[in-house]
Amino acid sequence: MLLYHCDVTLSPGEVELLIKLTRDQLEHINNPDMQLYLNDLIHSLHCSLEKVRAIRE
């Protein structure tokens, strides 16, 4: 599997949408390695979102 790295800036709303869409896709993926990767991605996005919210408050 090839993984690419790129730097992007997303709004908190866009991150929430990305988390939702990724969770939706998990239901359709039968590959355990990909499920683990996507779960890690969701966790990372959620942690980043919480940090941004804490800074803004």
Protein backbone atom coordinates (compact mmCIF):
# COMPACT_ATOMS: atom_id res chain seq x y z
CA MET A 1 0.00 0.00 0.00
CA LEU A 2 1.32 3.43 -0.89
CA LEU A 3 0.80 6.24 1.57
CA TYR A 4 1.17 9.85 0.61
CA HIS A 5 1.85 12.80 2.86
CA CYS A 6 0.57 16.27 2.19
CA ASP A 7 -0.05 19.31 4.34
CA VAL A 8 -3.56 20.71 4.24
CA THR A 9 -5.57 23.05 6.40
CA LEU A 10 -9.12 22.05 7.27
CA SER A 11 -11.74 23.86 9.30
CA PRO A 12 -13.13 22.08 12.37
CA GLY A 13 -16.34 21.44 10.41
CA GLU A 14 -14.39 19.86 7.58
CA VAL A 15 -12.52 17.63 10.05
CA GLU A 16 -15.83 16.53 11.59
CA LEU A 17 -17.13 15.68 8.12
CA LEU A 18 -13.96 13.76 7.29
CA ILE A 19 -14.31 11.76 10.53
CA LYS A 20 -17.95 10.97 9.73
CA LEU A 21 -17.19 9.91 6.15
CA THR A 22 -14.27 7.76 7.28
CA ARG A 23 -16.44 6.03 9.91
CA ASP A 24 -19.09 5.41 7.26
CA GLN A 25 -16.50 3.75 5.02
CA LEU A 26 -15.30 1.45 7.82
CA GLU A 27 -18.57 -0.47 7.56
CA HIS A 28 -17.73 -1.48 3.98
CA ILE A 29 -14.07 -2.46 4.41
CA ASN A 30 -13.21 -6.10 5.03
CA ASN A 31 -9.45 -5.65 5.25
CA PRO A 32 -8.37 -5.68 8.95
CA ASP A 33 -5.18 -3.72 8.22
CA MET A 34 -7.14 -0.99 6.45
CA GLN A 35 -9.70 -0.93 9.27
CA LEU A 36 -6.89 -0.45 11.79
CA TYR A 37 -5.35 2.31 9.68
CA LEU A 38 -8.68 4.12 9.34
CA ASN A 39 -9.41 3.78 13.06
CA ASP A 40 -6.00 5.30 13.80
CA LEU A 41 -6.75 8.10 11.34
CA ILE A 42 -10.12 8.79 13.00
CA HIS A 43 -8.46 8.87 16.41
CA SER A 44 -5.75 11.24 15.21
CA LEU A 45 -8.27 13.56 13.56
CA HIS A 46 -10.44 13.56 16.68
CA CYS A 47 -7.45 14.41 18.92
CA SER A 48 -6.42 17.24 16.60
CA LEU A 49 -9.97 18.58 16.57
CA GLU A 50 -10.10 18.57 20.38
CA LYS A 51 -6.78 20.45 20.57
CA VAL A 52 -8.06 23.11 18.19
CA ARG A 53 -11.27 23.49 20.18
CA ALA A 54 -9.30 23.81 23.44
CA ILE A 55 -7.09 26.52 21.94
CA ARG A 56 -10.09 28.45 20.65
CA GLU A 57 -11.83 28.43 24.05
